[in-house]
Amino acid sequence: MQPVMTQSSLLDDFTTAAIKAVATVEIIDRSPAALGQAILRAVGDASRILYAPPHELPASLFATFTSDPRVRPDATPDEMIHTAAGVTEAFAAVASTGSVCVDVSYERTGMVSLLAPLQVAVVAEENIVPQPRDLFRADVLDGKGLSRDFCFVTGPSATADMGPLVRGVHGPHKLHIIVLR
């Protein structure tokens, strides 16, 4: 018999695994003010911030953040390639790997999650699952993993194919995850 995972232990396991994967994790209360402050702390003094509106989380949750004049929900191609930070929703997270799951086919989420050197992913605590395979079950998260084109993002992009480890080769150099309680 497998041990029953509580949401609290899933969050602890997820946080530990994400940090081991060189991501940063911040756990906050679910409010527009708390989320806005957390995102703006994470992006620091970035002069432009890409933003992909959420698919699952209420857009109103991002209202404080989107009122910042640096936020670009409809960036031009030139703005997209010259932006320091991108903010997206992650529809799920995986406790065992510290990965977030980004729906790459929803609006501009895929581009925003890959283009900027810093990706900020926002995920709801109740959407943390124990293992990657759980996302491919119809009875987990209402089967969202079966109906989405998504990628697992585990820490910043990195490769060592041609020699020493290099970060940011095919995606962000840094990943900051905000978990909403």
Protein backbone atom coordinates (compact mmCIF):
# COMPACT_ATOMS: atom_id res chain seq x y z
CA MET A 1 0.00 0.00 0.00
CA GLN A 2 1.36 3.44 -0.98
CA PRO A 3 1.48 6.23 1.61
CA VAL A 4 -1.19 8.89 1.22
CA MET A 5 0.32 12.17 0.06
CA THR A 6 -1.19 15.26 1.65
CA GLN A 7 -1.19 18.55 -0.20
CA SER A 8 1.26 19.88 2.39
CA SER A 9 3.74 17.04 1.80
CA LEU A 10 3.34 17.43 -1.98
CA LEU A 11 4.18 21.11 -1.64
CA ASP A 12 7.22 20.31 0.52
CA ASP A 13 8.42 17.64 -1.93
CA PHE A 14 7.82 19.94 -4.90
CA THR A 15 9.73 22.82 -3.30
CA THR A 16 12.69 20.61 -2.40
CA ALA A 17 12.87 19.08 -5.90
CA ALA A 18 12.50 22.45 -7.67
CA ILE A 19 15.30 23.97 -5.60
CA LYS A 20 17.52 20.96 -6.39
CA ALA A 21 16.77 21.64 -10.07
CA VAL A 22 18.11 25.20 -9.61
CA ALA A 23 14.73 26.94 -9.66
CA THR A 24 13.61 29.36 -6.99
CA VAL A 25 10.25 28.86 -5.28
CA GLU A 26 8.05 31.32 -3.42
CA ILE A 27 4.85 30.28 -1.65
CA ILE A 28 2.29 33.05 -1.21
CA ASP A 29 -1.32 33.66 -0.27
CA ARG A 30 -3.74 33.71 -3.18
CA SER A 31 -4.59 37.37 -3.66
CA PRO A 32 -4.00 39.95 -6.40
CA ALA A 33 -1.86 42.09 -4.08
CA ALA A 34 0.33 39.20 -2.89
CA LEU A 35 0.76 37.85 -6.43
CA GLY A 36 1.52 41.28 -7.86
CA GLN A 37 4.16 41.94 -5.21
CA ALA A 38 5.73 38.48 -5.65
CA ILE A 39 5.98 38.80 -9.44
CA LEU A 40 7.40 42.32 -9.28
CA ARG A 41 9.99 41.20 -6.70
CA ALA A 42 10.99 38.31 -8.95
CA VAL A 43 11.42 40.45 -12.08
CA GLY A 44 13.27 43.21 -10.24
CA ASP A 45 14.11 46.20 -12.40
CA ALA A 46 13.24 44.59 -15.76
CA SER A 47 12.22 47.37 -18.13
CA ARG A 48 9.71 45.17 -19.98
CA ILE A 49 7.79 42.09 -18.81
CA LEU A 50 6.10 39.63 -21.16
CA TYR A 51 2.80 38.27 -19.88
CA ALA A 52 0.61 35.45 -21.14
CA PRO A 53 -2.89 35.67 -19.64
CA PRO A 54 -3.87 32.57 -17.65
CA HIS A 55 -6.10 29.80 -18.90
CA GLU A 56 -7.11 28.30 -15.54
CA LEU A 57 -6.38 30.85 -12.84
CA PRO A 58 -8.71 33.87 -12.73
CA ALA A 59 -7.30 36.81 -14.71
CA SER A 60 -8.39 39.06 -11.82
CA LEU A 61 -5.68 37.43 -9.70
CA PHE A 62 -3.10 39.11 -11.95
CA ALA A 63 -4.81 42.56 -11.86
CA THR A 64 -2.29 44.24 -9.53
CA PHE A 65 0.62 42.91 -11.58
CA THR A 66 -0.85 43.82 -14.98
CA SER A 67 -1.39 47.42 -13.88
CA ASP A 68 2.41 47.87 -13.93
CA PRO A 69 3.29 49.85 -17.12
CA ARG A 70 6.18 47.47 -17.91
CA VAL A 71 3.81 44.53 -18.53
CA ARG A 72 3.29 43.60 -22.20
CA PRO A 73 0.46 41.10 -22.82
CA ASP A 74 0.55 41.83 -26.59
CA ALA A 75 4.24 42.41 -27.21
CA THR A 76 5.54 42.86 -30.73
CA PRO A 77 8.09 40.31 -32.00
CA ASP A 78 10.91 42.81 -31.37
CA GLU A 79 9.70 43.43 -27.81
CA MET A 80 9.46 39.70 -27.24
CA ILE A 81 13.10 39.04 -28.11
CA HIS A 82 14.36 42.03 -26.12
CA THR A 83 12.55 41.39 -22.83
CA ALA A 84 14.17 40.33 -19.56
CA ALA A 85 11.24 38.48 -17.94
CA GLY A 86 8.17 36.47 -18.88
CA VAL A 87 5.23 35.54 -16.65
CA THR A 88 3.01 32.54 -17.35
CA GLU A 89 0.61 30.25 -15.61
CA ALA A 90 1.58 26.63 -15.04
CA PHE A 91 -1.53 24.45 -15.04
CA ALA A 92 0.20 21.80 -12.91
CA ALA A 93 3.38 20.95 -11.03
CA VAL A 94 5.09 17.64 -10.22
CA ALA A 95 6.31 17.02 -6.68
CA SER A 96 8.87 14.31 -7.47
CA THR A 97 10.73 16.37 -10.09
CA GLY A 98 10.07 19.98 -9.13
CA SER A 99 8.70 20.56 -12.63
CA VAL A 100 5.96 22.94 -13.67
CA CYS A 101 3.71 22.14 -16.63
CA VAL A 102 3.17 24.94 -19.12
CA ASP A 103 0.45 24.71 -21.76
CA VAL A 104 2.49 25.73 -24.81
CA SER A 105 -0.49 25.90 -27.17
CA TYR A 106 -2.61 28.36 -25.19
CA GLU A 107 -2.35 31.85 -26.69
CA ARG A 108 1.24 33.15 -26.25
CA THR A 109 2.13 31.05 -23.23
CA GLY A 110 4.68 28.91 -25.07
CA MET A 111 6.56 31.90 -26.49
CA VAL A 112 6.48 33.86 -23.25
CA SER A 113 7.78 30.87 -21.27
CA LEU A 114 10.75 30.35 -23.58
CA LEU A 115 11.94 33.73 -24.84
CA ALA A 116 12.85 35.78 -21.78
CA PRO A 117 15.96 35.04 -19.70
CA LEU A 118 13.75 34.85 -16.57
CA GLN A 119 10.57 32.79 -16.53
CA VAL A 120 8.13 33.32 -13.68
CA ALA A 121 5.61 30.47 -13.52
CA VAL A 122 2.53 30.74 -11.30
CA VAL A 123 0.87 27.51 -10.15
CA ALA A 124 -1.93 26.71 -7.70
CA GLU A 125 -0.92 24.46 -4.78
CA GLU A 126 -3.85 22.10 -5.38
CA ASN A 127 -2.49 21.37 -8.87
CA ILE A 128 0.67 19.70 -7.60
CA VAL A 129 0.66 15.99 -8.43
CA PRO A 130 3.04 13.33 -7.05
CA GLN A 131 4.56 11.93 -10.30
CA PRO A 132 4.72 12.95 -13.99
CA ARG A 133 2.60 9.92 -14.95
CA ASP A 134 -0.28 11.31 -12.87
CA LEU A 135 -0.83 14.01 -15.49
CA PHE A 136 -1.78 11.33 -18.01
CA ARG A 137 -4.71 10.03 -15.98
CA ALA A 138 -8.28 11.12 -16.67
CA ASP A 139 -9.08 11.19 -12.93
CA VAL A 140 -6.29 13.67 -12.05
CA LEU A 141 -6.85 17.41 -12.51
CA ASP A 142 -9.98 16.63 -14.53
CA GLY A 143 -7.80 15.08 -17.24
CA LYS A 144 -6.15 18.40 -18.16
CA GLY A 145 -2.86 16.67 -18.88
CA LEU A 146 -4.58 14.57 -21.53
CA SER A 147 -6.12 17.54 -23.32
CA ARG A 148 -3.17 19.96 -23.41
CA ASP A 149 -0.04 20.41 -25.45
CA PHE A 150 2.38 21.05 -22.64
CA CYS A 151 5.98 20.87 -21.63
CA PHE A 152 7.58 20.04 -18.33
CA VAL A 153 9.87 22.83 -17.17
CA THR A 154 12.37 21.66 -14.58
CA GLY A 155 14.68 24.46 -13.54
CA PRO A 156 16.35 26.77 -16.04
CA SER A 157 17.20 25.56 -19.52
CA ALA A 158 20.59 23.82 -19.58
CA THR A 159 22.73 21.63 -21.79
CA ALA A 160 26.15 20.00 -21.58
CA ASP A 161 26.03 18.40 -25.04
CA MET A 162 29.10 20.18 -26.35
CA GLY A 163 31.22 20.52 -23.22
CA PRO A 164 30.63 22.37 -19.95
CA LEU A 165 27.14 23.01 -18.61
CA VAL A 166 25.54 26.07 -20.25
CA ARG A 167 22.27 27.59 -19.03
CA GLY A 168 19.69 29.31 -21.18
CA VAL A 169 20.51 27.60 -24.48
CA HIS A 170 16.92 26.77 -25.48
CA GLY A 171 14.88 28.63 -22.90
CA PRO A 172 15.17 30.79 -19.82
CA HIS A 173 18.37 31.17 -17.79
CA LYS A 174 16.36 31.35 -14.56
CA LEU A 175 13.07 29.87 -13.40
CA HIS A 176 11.13 31.38 -10.50
CA ILE A 177 8.01 29.50 -9.40
CA ILE A 178 5.24 31.14 -7.40
CA VAL A 179 2.93 28.69 -5.66
CA LEU A 180 -0.49 30.03 -4.66
CA ARG A 181 -1.90 28.68 -1.41
